[in-house]
Every structure is written in structure tokens, then in C-alpha cells.
PDB file of all heavy atoms in Angstrom:
ATOM      1  N   MET A   1       5.975  -4.052  -6.298  1.00  0.00           N
ATOM      2  CA  MET A   1       6.229  -3.561  -4.913  1.00  0.00           C
ATOM      3  C   MET A   1       4.978  -2.870  -4.285  1.00  0.00           C
ATOM      4  O   MET A   1       4.642  -3.095  -3.168  1.00  0.00           O
ATOM      5  CB  MET A   1       7.383  -2.548  -5.107  1.00  0.00           C
ATOM      6  CG  MET A   1       8.679  -3.073  -5.477  1.00  0.00           C
ATOM      7  SD  MET A   1       9.390  -4.188  -4.332  1.00  0.00           S
ATOM      8  CE  MET A   1       9.628  -3.077  -2.965  1.00  0.00           C
ATOM      9  N   ILE A   2       4.218  -2.217  -5.086  1.00  0.00           N
ATOM     10  CA  ILE A   2       2.969  -1.481  -4.666  1.00  0.00           C
ATOM     11  C   ILE A   2       1.924  -2.568  -4.170  1.00  0.00           C
ATOM     12  O   ILE A   2       1.363  -2.373  -3.036  1.00  0.00           O
ATOM     13  CB  ILE A   2       2.393  -0.654  -5.765  1.00  0.00           C
ATOM     14  CG1 ILE A   2       3.190   0.581  -6.009  1.00  0.00           C
ATOM     15  CG2 ILE A   2       1.018  -0.193  -5.313  1.00  0.00           C
ATOM     16  CD1 ILE A   2       2.833   1.422  -7.185  1.00  0.00           C
ATOM     17  N   LEU A   3       1.753  -3.620  -4.968  1.00  0.00           N
ATOM     18  CA  LEU A   3       0.735  -4.601  -4.659  1.00  0.00           C
ATOM     19  C   LEU A   3       1.212  -5.393  -3.418  1.00  0.00           C
ATOM     20  O   LEU A   3       0.364  -5.675  -2.558  1.00  0.00           O
ATOM     21  CB  LEU A   3       0.660  -5.563  -5.883  1.00  0.00           C
ATOM     22  CG  LEU A   3      -0.622  -6.469  -5.864  1.00  0.00           C
ATOM     23  CD1 LEU A   3      -1.785  -5.650  -5.756  1.00  0.00           C
ATOM     24  CD2 LEU A   3      -0.604  -7.346  -7.050  1.00  0.00           C
ATOM     25  N   SER A   4       2.506  -5.669  -3.239  1.00  0.00           N
ATOM     26  CA  SER A   4       2.997  -6.345  -2.059  1.00  0.00           C
ATOM     27  C   SER A   4       2.745  -5.465  -0.765  1.00  0.00           C
ATOM     28  O   SER A   4       2.328  -5.992   0.234  1.00  0.00           O
ATOM     29  CB  SER A   4       4.447  -6.666  -2.220  1.00  0.00           C
ATOM     30  OG  SER A   4       4.673  -7.507  -3.368  1.00  0.00           O
ATOM     31  N   ALA A   5       3.129  -4.150  -0.909  1.00  0.00           N
ATOM     32  CA  ALA A   5       2.926  -3.268   0.166  1.00  0.00           C
ATOM     33  C   ALA A   5       1.419  -3.101   0.530  1.00  0.00           C
ATOM     34  O   ALA A   5       1.034  -2.984   1.691  1.00  0.00           O
ATOM     35  CB  ALA A   5       3.587  -1.917  -0.063  1.00  0.00           C
ATOM     36  N   PHE A   6       0.609  -2.998  -0.432  1.00  0.00           N
ATOM     37  CA  PHE A   6      -0.836  -2.807  -0.246  1.00  0.00           C
ATOM     38  C   PHE A   6      -1.425  -4.047   0.412  1.00  0.00           C
ATOM     39  O   PHE A   6      -2.162  -3.824   1.435  1.00  0.00           O
ATOM     40  CB  PHE A   6      -1.501  -2.648  -1.612  1.00  0.00           C
ATOM     41  CG  PHE A   6      -3.014  -2.727  -1.517  1.00  0.00           C
ATOM     42  CD1 PHE A   6      -3.845  -1.770  -0.834  1.00  0.00           C
ATOM     43  CD2 PHE A   6      -3.729  -3.834  -2.233  1.00  0.00           C
ATOM     44  CE1 PHE A   6      -5.147  -1.922  -0.753  1.00  0.00           C
ATOM     45  CE2 PHE A   6      -5.086  -3.887  -2.030  1.00  0.00           C
ATOM     46  CZ  PHE A   6      -5.801  -2.937  -1.347  1.00  0.00           C
ATOM     47  N   ALA A   7      -1.005  -5.221   0.095  1.00  0.00           N
ATOM     48  CA  ALA A   7      -1.483  -6.439   0.785  1.00  0.00           C
ATOM     49  C   ALA A   7      -1.056  -6.524   2.151  1.00  0.00           C
ATOM     50  O   ALA A   7      -1.888  -6.905   3.064  1.00  0.00           O
ATOM     51  CB  ALA A   7      -0.965  -7.648  -0.002  1.00  0.00           C
ATOM     52  N   LEU A   8       0.144  -6.067   2.482  1.00  0.00           N
ATOM     53  CA  LEU A   8       0.630  -6.001   3.873  1.00  0.00           C
ATOM     54  C   LEU A   8      -0.114  -4.982   4.726  1.00  0.00           C
ATOM     55  O   LEU A   8      -0.477  -5.232   5.870  1.00  0.00           O
ATOM     56  CB  LEU A   8       2.111  -5.694   3.807  1.00  0.00           C
ATOM     57  CG  LEU A   8       2.807  -5.661   5.124  1.00  0.00           C
ATOM     58  CD1 LEU A   8       2.733  -7.139   5.865  1.00  0.00           C
ATOM     59  CD2 LEU A   8       4.243  -5.328   5.029  1.00  0.00           C
ATOM     60  N   LEU A   9      -0.209  -3.743   4.146  1.00  0.00           N
ATOM     61  CA  LEU A   9      -0.896  -2.627   4.950  1.00  0.00           C
ATOM     62  C   LEU A   9      -2.363  -2.819   5.108  1.00  0.00           C
ATOM     63  O   LEU A   9      -2.885  -2.281   6.017  1.00  0.00           O
ATOM     64  CB  LEU A   9      -0.521  -1.314   4.248  1.00  0.00           C
ATOM     65  CG  LEU A   9       0.924  -0.978   4.217  1.00  0.00           C
ATOM     66  CD1 LEU A   9       1.133   0.308   3.341  1.00  0.00           C
ATOM     67  CD2 LEU A   9       1.387  -0.684   5.617  1.00  0.00           C
ATOM     68  N   SER A  10      -3.040  -3.323   4.097  1.00  0.00           N
ATOM     69  CA  SER A  10      -4.550  -3.447   4.143  1.00  0.00           C
ATOM     70  C   SER A  10      -5.023  -4.288   5.266  1.00  0.00           C
ATOM     71  O   SER A  10      -6.151  -4.213   5.750  1.00  0.00           O
ATOM     72  CB  SER A  10      -5.086  -3.982   2.843  1.00  0.00           C
ATOM     73  OG  SER A  10      -4.549  -5.273   2.595  1.00  0.00           O
ATOM     74  N   GLY A  11      -4.150  -5.124   5.870  1.00  0.00           N
ATOM     75  CA  GLY A  11      -4.554  -5.957   7.011  1.00  0.00           C
ATOM     76  C   GLY A  11      -4.374  -5.231   8.282  1.00  0.00           C
ATOM     77  O   GLY A  11      -4.770  -5.666   9.367  1.00  0.00           O
ATOM     78  N   VAL A  12      -3.818  -3.917   8.205  1.00  0.00           N
ATOM     79  CA  VAL A  12      -3.410  -3.124   9.399  1.00  0.00           C
ATOM     80  C   VAL A  12      -4.338  -1.818   9.415  1.00  0.00           C
ATOM     81  O   VAL A  12      -4.826  -1.469  10.475  1.00  0.00           O
ATOM     82  CB  VAL A  12      -1.955  -2.841   9.529  1.00  0.00           C
ATOM     83  CG1 VAL A  12      -1.652  -2.059  10.775  1.00  0.00           C
ATOM     84  CG2 VAL A  12      -1.131  -4.148   9.460  1.00  0.00           C
ATOM     85  N   ILE A  13      -4.414  -1.233   8.253  1.00  0.00           N
ATOM     86  CA  ILE A  13      -5.110   0.100   8.186  1.00  0.00           C
ATOM     87  C   ILE A  13      -6.151  -0.031   7.098  1.00  0.00           C
ATOM     88  O   ILE A  13      -6.164  -1.043   6.298  1.00  0.00           O
ATOM     89  CB  ILE A  13      -4.125   1.117   7.807  1.00  0.00           C
ATOM     90  CG1 ILE A  13      -3.387   0.924   6.523  1.00  0.00           C
ATOM     91  CG2 ILE A  13      -3.182   1.338   9.035  1.00  0.00           C
ATOM     92  CD1 ILE A  13      -2.475   2.081   6.138  1.00  0.00           C
ATOM     93  N   PRO A  14      -7.072   0.791   6.992  1.00  0.00           N
ATOM     94  CA  PRO A  14      -8.166   0.769   5.927  1.00  0.00           C
ATOM     95  C   PRO A  14      -7.580   0.827   4.560  1.00  0.00           C
ATOM     96  O   PRO A  14      -6.524   1.437   4.375  1.00  0.00           O
ATOM     97  CB  PRO A  14      -8.933   2.114   6.227  1.00  0.00           C
ATOM     98  CG  PRO A  14      -8.707   2.337   7.655  1.00  0.00           C
ATOM     99  CD  PRO A  14      -7.365   1.917   8.016  1.00  0.00           C
ATOM    100  N   SER A  15      -8.193   0.104   3.641  1.00  0.00           N
ATOM    101  CA  SER A  15      -7.652  -0.144   2.363  1.00  0.00           C
ATOM    102  C   SER A  15      -7.283   1.190   1.509  1.00  0.00           C
ATOM    103  O   SER A  15      -6.332   1.253   0.830  1.00  0.00           O
ATOM    104  CB  SER A  15      -8.520  -1.047   1.502  1.00  0.00           C
ATOM    105  OG  SER A  15      -9.719  -0.457   1.329  1.00  0.00           O
ATOM    106  N   GLU A  16      -8.077   2.137   1.769  1.00  0.00           N
ATOM    107  CA  GLU A  16      -7.965   3.473   1.036  1.00  0.00           C
ATOM    108  C   GLU A  16      -6.634   4.199   1.440  1.00  0.00           C
ATOM    109  O   GLU A  16      -5.935   4.727   0.623  1.00  0.00           O
ATOM    110  CB  GLU A  16      -9.173   4.385   1.239  1.00  0.00           C
ATOM    111  CG  GLU A  16      -9.532   4.787   2.607  1.00  0.00           C
ATOM    112  CD  GLU A  16     -10.460   3.891   3.224  1.00  0.00           C
ATOM    113  OE1 GLU A  16     -10.608   2.726   2.795  1.00  0.00           O
ATOM    114  OE2 GLU A  16     -11.116   4.295   4.166  1.00  0.00           O
ATOM    115  N   TYR A  17      -6.286   4.038   2.769  1.00  0.00           N
ATOM    116  CA  TYR A  17      -5.061   4.550   3.166  1.00  0.00           C
ATOM    117  C   TYR A  17      -3.925   3.646   2.800  1.00  0.00           C
ATOM    118  O   TYR A  17      -2.759   4.016   2.433  1.00  0.00           O
ATOM    119  CB  TYR A  17      -5.048   4.657   4.727  1.00  0.00           C
ATOM    120  CG  TYR A  17      -6.084   5.743   5.171  1.00  0.00           C
ATOM    121  CD1 TYR A  17      -7.174   5.309   5.874  1.00  0.00           C
ATOM    122  CD2 TYR A  17      -5.958   7.103   4.806  1.00  0.00           C
ATOM    123  CE1 TYR A  17      -8.125   6.266   6.321  1.00  0.00           C
ATOM    124  CE2 TYR A  17      -6.920   8.020   5.284  1.00  0.00           C
ATOM    125  CZ  TYR A  17      -8.008   7.584   6.016  1.00  0.00           C
ATOM    126  OH  TYR A  17      -8.959   8.466   6.501  1.00  0.00           O
ATOM    127  N   ALA A  18      -4.095   2.377   2.828  1.00  0.00           N
ATOM    128  CA  ALA A  18      -3.102   1.322   2.412  1.00  0.00           C
ATOM    129  C   ALA A  18      -2.613   1.593   0.938  1.00  0.00           C
ATOM    130  O   ALA A  18      -1.481   1.555   0.587  1.00  0.00           O
ATOM    131  CB  ALA A  18      -3.551  -0.008   2.543  1.00  0.00           C
ATOM    132  N   ILE A  19      -3.631   1.878   0.026  1.00  0.00           N
ATOM    133  CA  ILE A  19      -3.286   2.184  -1.366  1.00  0.00           C
ATOM    134  C   ILE A  19      -2.442   3.412  -1.501  1.00  0.00           C
ATOM    135  O   ILE A  19      -1.488   3.415  -2.267  1.00  0.00           O
ATOM    136  CB  ILE A  19      -4.555   2.267  -2.195  1.00  0.00           C
ATOM    137  CG1 ILE A  19      -5.211   0.944  -2.408  1.00  0.00           C
ATOM    138  CG2 ILE A  19      -4.290   2.857  -3.534  1.00  0.00           C
ATOM    139  CD1 ILE A  19      -6.539   0.951  -3.086  1.00  0.00           C
ATOM    140  N   VAL A  20      -2.834   4.525  -0.748  1.00  0.00           N
ATOM    141  CA  VAL A  20      -2.041   5.732  -0.803  1.00  0.00           C
ATOM    142  C   VAL A  20      -0.565   5.543  -0.364  1.00  0.00           C
ATOM    143  O   VAL A  20       0.372   6.045  -0.975  1.00  0.00           O
ATOM    144  CB  VAL A  20      -2.752   6.899   0.001  1.00  0.00           C
ATOM    145  CG1 VAL A  20      -1.862   8.058   0.043  1.00  0.00           C
ATOM    146  CG2 VAL A  20      -4.117   7.166  -0.604  1.00  0.00           C
ATOM    147  N   LEU A  21      -0.445   4.895   0.782  1.00  0.00           N
ATOM    148  CA  LEU A  21       0.899   4.686   1.287  1.00  0.00           C
ATOM    149  C   LEU A  21       1.698   3.684   0.310  1.00  0.00           C
ATOM    150  O   LEU A  21       2.874   3.898   0.134  1.00  0.00           O
ATOM    151  CB  LEU A  21       0.799   4.019   2.741  1.00  0.00           C
ATOM    152  CG  LEU A  21       0.309   5.036   3.832  1.00  0.00           C
ATOM    153  CD1 LEU A  21       0.211   4.149   5.095  1.00  0.00           C
ATOM    154  CD2 LEU A  21       1.225   6.223   3.891  1.00  0.00           C
ATOM    155  N   ALA A  22       1.073   2.631  -0.099  1.00  0.00           N
ATOM    156  CA  ALA A  22       1.787   1.781  -1.053  1.00  0.00           C
ATOM    157  C   ALA A  22       2.201   2.460  -2.312  1.00  0.00           C
ATOM    158  O   ALA A  22       3.242   2.159  -2.905  1.00  0.00           O
ATOM    159  CB  ALA A  22       0.930   0.615  -1.398  1.00  0.00           C
ATOM    160  N   SER A  23       1.432   3.462  -2.733  1.00  0.00           N
ATOM    161  CA  SER A  23       1.706   4.168  -3.988  1.00  0.00           C
ATOM    162  C   SER A  23       3.095   4.904  -3.936  1.00  0.00           C
ATOM    163  O   SER A  23       3.574   5.431  -4.975  1.00  0.00           O
ATOM    164  CB  SER A  23       0.598   5.079  -4.461  1.00  0.00           C
ATOM    165  OG  SER A  23       0.450   6.141  -3.458  1.00  0.00           O
ATOM    166  N   LEU A  24       3.514   5.184  -2.743  1.00  0.00           N
ATOM    167  CA  LEU A  24       4.853   5.904  -2.497  1.00  0.00           C
ATOM    168  C   LEU A  24       5.962   5.130  -3.151  1.00  0.00           C
ATOM    169  O   LEU A  24       7.115   5.633  -3.328  1.00  0.00           O
ATOM    170  CB  LEU A  24       5.056   6.235  -1.062  1.00  0.00           C
ATOM    171  CG  LEU A  24       4.078   7.107  -0.430  1.00  0.00           C
ATOM    172  CD1 LEU A  24       4.462   7.307   1.069  1.00  0.00           C
ATOM    173  CD2 LEU A  24       4.033   8.440  -1.115  1.00  0.00           C
ATOM    174  N   LEU A  25       5.786   3.746  -3.383  1.00  0.00           N
ATOM    175  CA  LEU A  25       6.802   2.991  -4.071  1.00  0.00           C
ATOM    176  C   LEU A  25       6.757   3.074  -5.546  1.00  0.00           C
ATOM    177  O   LEU A  25       7.542   2.420  -6.231  1.00  0.00           O
ATOM    178  CB  LEU A  25       6.604   1.539  -3.618  1.00  0.00           C
ATOM    179  CG  LEU A  25       6.801   1.279  -2.110  1.00  0.00           C
ATOM    180  CD1 LEU A  25       6.333  -0.207  -1.858  1.00  0.00           C
ATOM    181  CD2 LEU A  25       8.253   1.494  -1.737  1.00  0.00           C
ATOM    182  N   TYR A  26       5.804   3.862  -6.087  1.00  0.00           N
ATOM    183  CA  TYR A  26       5.588   4.018  -7.542  1.00  0.00           C
ATOM    184  C   TYR A  26       6.811   4.358  -8.288  1.00  0.00           C
ATOM    185  O   TYR A  26       7.073   3.901  -9.383  1.00  0.00           O
ATOM    186  CB  TYR A  26       4.588   5.101  -7.675  1.00  0.00           C
ATOM    187  CG  TYR A  26       3.793   5.119  -8.999  1.00  0.00           C
ATOM    188  CD1 TYR A  26       2.727   4.134  -9.231  1.00  0.00           C
ATOM    189  CD2 TYR A  26       4.119   6.006 -10.058  1.00  0.00           C
ATOM    190  CE1 TYR A  26       2.123   4.153 -10.471  1.00  0.00           C
ATOM    191  CE2 TYR A  26       3.465   6.035 -11.184  1.00  0.00           C
ATOM    192  CZ  TYR A  26       2.373   5.120 -11.381  1.00  0.00           C
ATOM    193  OH  TYR A  26       1.684   5.110 -12.650  1.00  0.00           O
ATOM    194  N   PRO A  27       7.863   5.238  -7.807  1.00  0.00           N
ATOM    195  CA  PRO A  27       8.923   5.609  -8.560  1.00  0.00           C
ATOM    196  C   PRO A  27       9.991   4.587  -8.868  1.00  0.00           C
ATOM    197  O   PRO A  27      10.823   4.765  -9.768  1.00  0.00           O
ATOM    198  CB  PRO A  27       9.617   6.835  -7.705  1.00  0.00           C
ATOM    199  CG  PRO A  27       8.444   7.290  -6.803  1.00  0.00           C
ATOM    200  CD  PRO A  27       7.669   5.983  -6.524  1.00  0.00           C
ATOM    201  N   ILE A  28       9.940   3.440  -8.135  1.00  0.00           N
ATOM    202  CA  ILE A  28      11.069   2.513  -8.281  1.00  0.00           C
ATOM    203  C   ILE A  28      11.328   2.070  -9.700  1.00  0.00           C
ATOM    204  O   ILE A  28      12.388   2.130 -10.313  1.00  0.00           O
ATOM    205  CB  ILE A  28      10.783   1.246  -7.409  1.00  0.00           C
ATOM    206  CG1 ILE A  28      10.830   1.741  -5.927  1.00  0.00           C
ATOM    207  CG2 ILE A  28      11.764   0.159  -7.664  1.00  0.00           C
ATOM    208  CD1 ILE A  28      10.432   0.537  -4.942  1.00  0.00           C
TER     209      ILE A  28
END
């Protein structure tokens, strides 16, 4: 889930922010 969200967000926002936002899916 994190990797899928990171790939989606990195095309919209800088990758360092994309990683942080994608990591919110970590608990699943």
C-alpha cells in the first residue's frame, strides 16, 4: 500500500513529502 501511494503521490508532490504521506498507510 505504501509503495502504491508513494508512486501515485511522487508525480504530484516532491518525493520526500510523498514518502511521509504514504507512510501513514503503515499500520494496515
